[in-house]
């Protein structure tokens, strides 16, 4: 799959809350760095991250744009609650090697009535 196709599949699996399917899109040693959090390293850890996130909040990704440039795809997204963000996906050999995401974590926590860290 090309990077854009991988991101399209990522969105489909994300909206299905399919942590196993999502994790299979990543290389074994991939890094998922949502910049509001510490980087998550390795396919198994990424699967666990998605399992935890889907257990804590109902999330929906609505695609605004997907751009592709070489080995990179860029996703601009929003959700039904008004949160917006973007993700950068570096894909090699049909697998995500690096994902970096930017979004407002404080707004996300408030929208989903999740605890706000004090540190």
N, C-alpha and C. Protein backbone atom coordinates (compact mmCIF):
# COMPACT_ATOMS: atom_id res chain seq x y z
N UNK A 1 0.84 -1.19 0.00
CA UNK A 1 0.00 0.00 0.00
C UNK A 1 0.88 1.25 0.00
N UNK A 2 0.40 2.26 -0.65
CA UNK A 2 1.06 3.57 -0.63
C UNK A 2 0.71 4.25 0.70
N UNK A 3 1.51 5.26 1.11
CA UNK A 3 1.23 5.94 2.38
C UNK A 3 -0.21 6.46 2.50
N UNK A 4 -0.74 7.04 1.44
CA UNK A 4 -2.12 7.56 1.51
C UNK A 4 -3.11 6.43 1.75
N UNK A 5 -2.91 5.30 1.11
CA UNK A 5 -3.80 4.15 1.29
C UNK A 5 -3.70 3.60 2.71
N UNK A 6 -2.49 3.61 3.26
CA UNK A 6 -2.31 3.16 4.64
C UNK A 6 -3.10 4.05 5.59
N UNK A 7 -3.04 5.37 5.37
CA UNK A 7 -3.77 6.30 6.24
C UNK A 7 -5.28 6.12 6.07
N UNK A 8 -5.73 5.88 4.87
CA UNK A 8 -7.16 5.62 4.67
C UNK A 8 -7.59 4.37 5.44
N UNK A 9 -6.76 3.34 5.41
CA UNK A 9 -7.06 2.11 6.17
C UNK A 9 -6.95 2.39 7.67
N UNK A 10 -5.99 3.20 8.08
CA UNK A 10 -5.83 3.60 9.48
C UNK A 10 -7.13 4.23 9.99
N UNK A 11 -7.68 5.17 9.22
CA UNK A 11 -8.91 5.86 9.63
C UNK A 11 -10.06 4.86 9.75
N UNK A 12 -10.19 3.97 8.79
CA UNK A 12 -11.27 2.97 8.84
C UNK A 12 -11.17 2.12 10.10
N UNK A 13 -9.96 1.62 10.38
CA UNK A 13 -9.75 0.78 11.56
C UNK A 13 -9.91 1.57 12.85
N UNK A 14 -9.44 2.81 12.86
CA UNK A 14 -9.59 3.68 14.04
C UNK A 14 -11.07 3.87 14.35
N UNK A 15 -11.86 4.16 13.32
CA UNK A 15 -13.30 4.39 13.53
C UNK A 15 -14.04 3.11 13.92
N UNK A 16 -13.44 1.96 13.65
CA UNK A 16 -13.99 0.68 14.12
C UNK A 16 -13.44 0.30 15.50
N UNK A 17 -12.59 1.15 16.08
CA UNK A 17 -11.93 0.86 17.37
C UNK A 17 -11.22 -0.49 17.33
N UNK A 18 -10.54 -0.77 16.24
CA UNK A 18 -9.86 -2.05 16.01
C UNK A 18 -8.37 -1.92 16.33
N UNK A 19 -8.02 -2.08 17.58
CA UNK A 19 -6.62 -1.93 18.02
C UNK A 19 -5.71 -2.97 17.37
N UNK A 20 -6.20 -4.18 17.19
CA UNK A 20 -5.38 -5.23 16.57
C UNK A 20 -5.11 -4.89 15.11
N UNK A 21 -6.16 -4.54 14.38
CA UNK A 21 -5.99 -4.17 12.98
C UNK A 21 -5.08 -2.97 12.82
N UNK A 22 -5.25 -1.97 13.67
CA UNK A 22 -4.38 -0.80 13.62
C UNK A 22 -2.92 -1.18 13.84
N UNK A 23 -2.68 -2.00 14.85
CA UNK A 23 -1.30 -2.35 15.18
C UNK A 23 -0.62 -3.08 14.02
N UNK A 24 -1.40 -3.81 13.24
CA UNK A 24 -0.83 -4.54 12.10
C UNK A 24 -0.38 -3.62 10.97
N UNK A 25 -0.80 -2.35 11.01
CA UNK A 25 -0.34 -1.38 10.01
C UNK A 25 1.07 -0.88 10.31
N UNK A 26 1.56 -1.14 11.52
CA UNK A 26 2.85 -0.61 11.97
C UNK A 26 3.96 -1.64 11.81
N UNK A 27 5.17 -1.13 11.53
CA UNK A 27 6.36 -1.98 11.54
C UNK A 27 6.61 -2.45 12.97
N UNK A 28 7.32 -3.53 13.12
CA UNK A 28 7.60 -4.11 14.45
C UNK A 28 8.21 -3.10 15.41
N UNK A 29 9.12 -2.26 14.91
CA UNK A 29 9.83 -1.28 15.76
C UNK A 29 9.33 0.15 15.54
N UNK A 30 8.10 0.30 15.09
CA UNK A 30 7.53 1.61 14.80
C UNK A 30 7.46 2.49 16.04
N UNK A 31 7.34 3.79 15.79
CA UNK A 31 7.17 4.78 16.85
C UNK A 31 5.90 5.57 16.56
N UNK A 32 5.03 5.66 17.57
CA UNK A 32 3.84 6.50 17.49
C UNK A 32 4.05 7.59 18.54
N UNK A 33 4.25 8.81 18.07
CA UNK A 33 4.49 9.92 18.99
C UNK A 33 3.40 10.96 18.84
N UNK A 34 2.41 10.86 19.69
CA UNK A 34 1.42 11.92 19.82
C UNK A 34 2.10 12.95 20.72
N UNK A 35 2.41 14.12 20.18
CA UNK A 35 3.33 15.01 20.87
C UNK A 35 2.84 15.49 22.23
N UNK A 36 1.56 15.31 22.51
CA UNK A 36 1.04 15.63 23.84
C UNK A 36 1.41 14.55 24.85
N UNK A 37 1.95 13.43 24.37
CA UNK A 37 2.31 12.29 25.22
C UNK A 37 3.73 11.83 24.89
N UNK A 38 4.24 10.93 25.69
CA UNK A 38 5.54 10.32 25.40
C UNK A 38 5.42 9.41 24.19
N UNK A 39 6.49 9.24 23.42
CA UNK A 39 6.45 8.32 22.28
C UNK A 39 6.17 6.89 22.74
N UNK A 40 5.43 6.17 21.90
CA UNK A 40 5.14 4.76 22.14
C UNK A 40 5.94 3.98 21.10
N UNK A 41 6.75 3.04 21.56
CA UNK A 41 7.70 2.36 20.68
C UNK A 41 7.36 0.88 20.59
N UNK A 42 7.25 0.39 19.35
CA UNK A 42 7.00 -1.03 19.11
C UNK A 42 5.54 -1.34 18.86
N UNK A 43 5.30 -2.26 17.93
CA UNK A 43 3.94 -2.62 17.51
C UNK A 43 3.08 -3.08 18.70
N UNK A 44 3.63 -3.90 19.59
CA UNK A 44 2.83 -4.40 20.71
C UNK A 44 2.43 -3.27 21.65
N UNK A 45 3.35 -2.35 21.90
CA UNK A 45 3.04 -1.20 22.77
C UNK A 45 2.02 -0.28 22.11
N UNK A 46 2.11 -0.14 20.80
CA UNK A 46 1.14 0.69 20.07
C UNK A 46 -0.24 0.06 20.15
N UNK A 47 -0.32 -1.26 20.01
CA UNK A 47 -1.61 -1.95 20.15
C UNK A 47 -2.20 -1.71 21.54
N UNK A 48 -1.37 -1.83 22.55
CA UNK A 48 -1.83 -1.60 23.93
C UNK A 48 -2.30 -0.16 24.11
N UNK A 49 -1.60 0.80 23.52
CA UNK A 49 -2.00 2.20 23.60
C UNK A 49 -3.40 2.38 23.01
N UNK A 50 -3.62 1.82 21.81
CA UNK A 50 -4.94 1.95 21.19
C UNK A 50 -6.01 1.26 22.03
N UNK A 51 -5.72 0.09 22.57
CA UNK A 51 -6.70 -0.61 23.42
C UNK A 51 -7.10 0.28 24.59
N UNK A 52 -6.13 0.90 25.24
CA UNK A 52 -6.41 1.78 26.38
C UNK A 52 -7.21 3.00 25.95
N UNK A 53 -6.84 3.60 24.83
CA UNK A 53 -7.55 4.79 24.37
C UNK A 53 -9.00 4.48 24.02
N UNK A 54 -9.22 3.36 23.31
CA UNK A 54 -10.59 3.00 22.94
C UNK A 54 -11.43 2.62 24.16
N UNK A 55 -10.80 2.12 25.21
CA UNK A 55 -11.53 1.79 26.45
C UNK A 55 -11.94 3.05 27.21
N UNK A 56 -11.19 4.14 27.03
CA UNK A 56 -11.44 5.37 27.78
C UNK A 56 -12.34 6.38 27.10
N UNK A 57 -12.43 6.34 25.77
CA UNK A 57 -13.20 7.37 25.08
C UNK A 57 -13.72 6.84 23.75
N UNK A 58 -14.92 7.29 23.38
CA UNK A 58 -15.47 7.01 22.05
C UNK A 58 -14.89 8.06 21.11
N UNK A 59 -14.08 7.61 20.17
CA UNK A 59 -13.40 8.54 19.27
C UNK A 59 -13.78 8.25 17.83
N UNK A 60 -13.92 9.32 17.07
CA UNK A 60 -14.23 9.24 15.65
C UNK A 60 -13.30 10.19 14.91
N UNK A 61 -12.72 9.70 13.84
CA UNK A 61 -11.84 10.50 13.01
C UNK A 61 -12.56 10.82 11.71
N UNK A 62 -12.78 12.10 11.46
CA UNK A 62 -13.39 12.56 10.22
C UNK A 62 -12.28 13.19 9.39
N UNK A 63 -12.03 12.63 8.22
CA UNK A 63 -10.95 13.10 7.36
C UNK A 63 -11.33 14.45 6.74
N UNK A 64 -10.42 15.40 6.89
CA UNK A 64 -10.56 16.67 6.18
C UNK A 64 -9.69 16.65 4.92
N UNK A 65 -8.45 16.17 5.06
CA UNK A 65 -7.53 16.06 3.94
C UNK A 65 -6.52 14.95 4.21
N UNK A 66 -6.11 14.30 3.15
CA UNK A 66 -4.96 13.39 3.22
C UNK A 66 -4.04 13.78 2.07
N UNK A 67 -2.80 14.08 2.40
CA UNK A 67 -1.80 14.44 1.42
C UNK A 67 -0.72 13.37 1.41
N UNK A 68 -0.12 13.15 0.26
CA UNK A 68 0.96 12.18 0.14
C UNK A 68 2.15 12.84 -0.53
N UNK A 69 3.33 12.60 0.03
CA UNK A 69 4.57 13.10 -0.56
C UNK A 69 5.65 12.05 -0.35
N UNK A 70 5.94 11.31 -1.38
CA UNK A 70 6.95 10.26 -1.27
C UNK A 70 6.52 9.19 -0.28
N UNK A 71 7.34 8.98 0.76
CA UNK A 71 7.07 7.97 1.78
C UNK A 71 6.22 8.51 2.93
N UNK A 72 5.69 9.71 2.78
CA UNK A 72 4.92 10.35 3.84
C UNK A 72 3.47 10.58 3.44
N UNK A 73 2.58 10.46 4.41
CA UNK A 73 1.19 10.88 4.25
C UNK A 73 0.86 11.79 5.43
N UNK A 74 0.05 12.79 5.16
CA UNK A 74 -0.34 13.75 6.18
C UNK A 74 -1.87 13.76 6.25
N UNK A 75 -2.38 13.59 7.44
CA UNK A 75 -3.82 13.53 7.68
C UNK A 75 -4.24 14.76 8.47
N UNK A 76 -5.19 15.52 7.93
CA UNK A 76 -5.86 16.57 8.69
C UNK A 76 -7.21 15.99 9.08
N UNK A 77 -7.56 16.08 10.36
CA UNK A 77 -8.78 15.44 10.83
C UNK A 77 -9.54 16.35 11.79
N UNK A 78 -10.78 15.96 12.00
CA UNK A 78 -11.60 16.57 13.05
C UNK A 78 -12.44 15.46 13.64
N UNK A 79 -13.10 15.77 14.75
CA UNK A 79 -14.03 14.80 15.32
C UNK A 79 -15.39 15.47 15.51
N UNK A 80 -16.42 14.71 15.81
CA UNK A 80 -17.76 15.29 15.93
C UNK A 80 -17.89 16.32 17.05
N UNK A 81 -16.96 16.32 18.01
CA UNK A 81 -17.03 17.25 19.13
C UNK A 81 -16.33 18.57 18.85
N UNK A 82 -15.67 18.67 17.69
CA UNK A 82 -15.01 19.92 17.32
C UNK A 82 -13.50 19.93 17.47
N UNK A 83 -12.94 18.85 17.99
CA UNK A 83 -11.48 18.76 18.11
C UNK A 83 -10.89 18.59 16.72
N UNK A 84 -9.74 19.24 16.49
CA UNK A 84 -9.04 19.11 15.22
C UNK A 84 -7.60 18.74 15.49
N UNK A 85 -7.00 18.07 14.49
CA UNK A 85 -5.59 17.72 14.63
C UNK A 85 -5.02 17.30 13.29
N UNK A 86 -3.76 16.91 13.34
CA UNK A 86 -3.12 16.39 12.14
C UNK A 86 -2.13 15.31 12.54
N UNK A 87 -1.88 14.43 11.60
CA UNK A 87 -0.94 13.33 11.82
C UNK A 87 -0.03 13.19 10.64
N UNK A 88 1.21 12.88 10.91
CA UNK A 88 2.22 12.65 9.89
C UNK A 88 2.63 11.19 9.98
N UNK A 89 2.57 10.48 8.86
CA UNK A 89 2.83 9.06 8.81
C UNK A 89 3.98 8.79 7.84
N UNK A 90 5.07 8.23 8.33
CA UNK A 90 6.17 7.82 7.46
C UNK A 90 6.04 6.32 7.26
N UNK A 91 5.83 5.92 6.00
CA UNK A 91 5.57 4.51 5.70
C UNK A 91 6.64 3.99 4.74
N UNK A 92 7.18 2.84 5.09
CA UNK A 92 8.14 2.14 4.23
C UNK A 92 7.70 0.69 4.11
N UNK A 93 7.81 0.14 2.92
CA UNK A 93 7.45 -1.26 2.68
C UNK A 93 6.04 -1.59 3.16
N UNK A 94 5.12 -0.63 3.00
CA UNK A 94 3.73 -0.87 3.35
C UNK A 94 3.40 -0.84 4.83
N UNK A 95 4.33 -0.37 5.67
CA UNK A 95 4.10 -0.32 7.12
C UNK A 95 4.44 1.08 7.65
N UNK A 96 3.72 1.49 8.66
CA UNK A 96 4.02 2.77 9.31
C UNK A 96 5.28 2.59 10.15
N UNK A 97 6.27 3.42 9.88
CA UNK A 97 7.51 3.42 10.65
C UNK A 97 7.44 4.45 11.78
N UNK A 98 6.85 5.60 11.45
CA UNK A 98 6.74 6.70 12.41
C UNK A 98 5.42 7.40 12.20
N UNK A 99 4.73 7.64 13.29
CA UNK A 99 3.52 8.47 13.27
C UNK A 99 3.72 9.56 14.31
N UNK A 100 3.47 10.78 13.88
CA UNK A 100 3.56 11.91 14.80
C UNK A 100 2.25 12.68 14.69
N UNK A 101 1.61 12.92 15.83
CA UNK A 101 0.30 13.58 15.83
C UNK A 101 0.28 14.83 16.70
N UNK A 102 -0.50 15.78 16.25
CA UNK A 102 -0.65 17.06 16.94
C UNK A 102 -2.13 17.33 17.17
N UNK A 103 -2.52 17.54 18.44
CA UNK A 103 -3.88 17.83 18.82
C UNK A 103 -3.87 18.41 20.22
N UNK A 104 -4.97 18.98 20.63
CA UNK A 104 -5.08 19.65 21.93
C UNK A 104 -5.54 18.64 22.98
N UNK A 105 -4.60 18.14 23.77
CA UNK A 105 -4.92 17.11 24.75
C UNK A 105 -5.87 17.61 25.83
N UNK A 106 -5.69 18.84 26.29
CA UNK A 106 -6.56 19.37 27.34
C UNK A 106 -8.01 19.43 26.87
N UNK A 107 -8.21 19.91 25.65
CA UNK A 107 -9.57 19.95 25.11
C UNK A 107 -10.14 18.54 24.98
N UNK A 108 -9.32 17.59 24.52
CA UNK A 108 -9.77 16.20 24.39
C UNK A 108 -10.22 15.66 25.75
N UNK A 109 -9.42 15.84 26.78
CA UNK A 109 -9.76 15.33 28.11
C UNK A 109 -11.06 15.95 28.62
N UNK A 110 -11.20 17.25 28.43
CA UNK A 110 -12.43 17.93 28.87
C UNK A 110 -13.65 17.42 28.11
N UNK A 111 -13.53 17.26 26.78
CA UNK A 111 -14.65 16.82 25.95
C UNK A 111 -15.15 15.43 26.33
N UNK A 112 -14.21 14.59 26.81
CA UNK A 112 -14.57 13.21 27.14
C UNK A 112 -14.70 12.99 28.64
N UNK A 113 -14.74 14.08 29.40
CA UNK A 113 -14.87 14.01 30.86
C UNK A 113 -13.85 13.08 31.48
N UNK A 114 -12.61 13.19 31.01
CA UNK A 114 -11.51 12.38 31.55
C UNK A 114 -10.71 13.21 32.54
N UNK A 115 -10.02 12.57 33.47
CA UNK A 115 -9.25 13.32 34.46
C UNK A 115 -8.16 14.18 33.80
N UNK A 116 -8.00 15.36 34.35
CA UNK A 116 -6.95 16.27 33.86
C UNK A 116 -5.75 16.14 34.79
N UNK A 117 -4.58 15.79 34.22
CA UNK A 117 -3.38 15.65 35.07
C UNK A 117 -3.04 16.96 35.77
N UNK A 118 -2.53 16.83 36.97
CA UNK A 118 -2.15 18.03 37.72
C UNK A 118 -0.68 18.37 37.56
N UNK A 119 0.08 17.48 36.94
CA UNK A 119 1.51 17.74 36.73
C UNK A 119 1.78 18.09 35.30
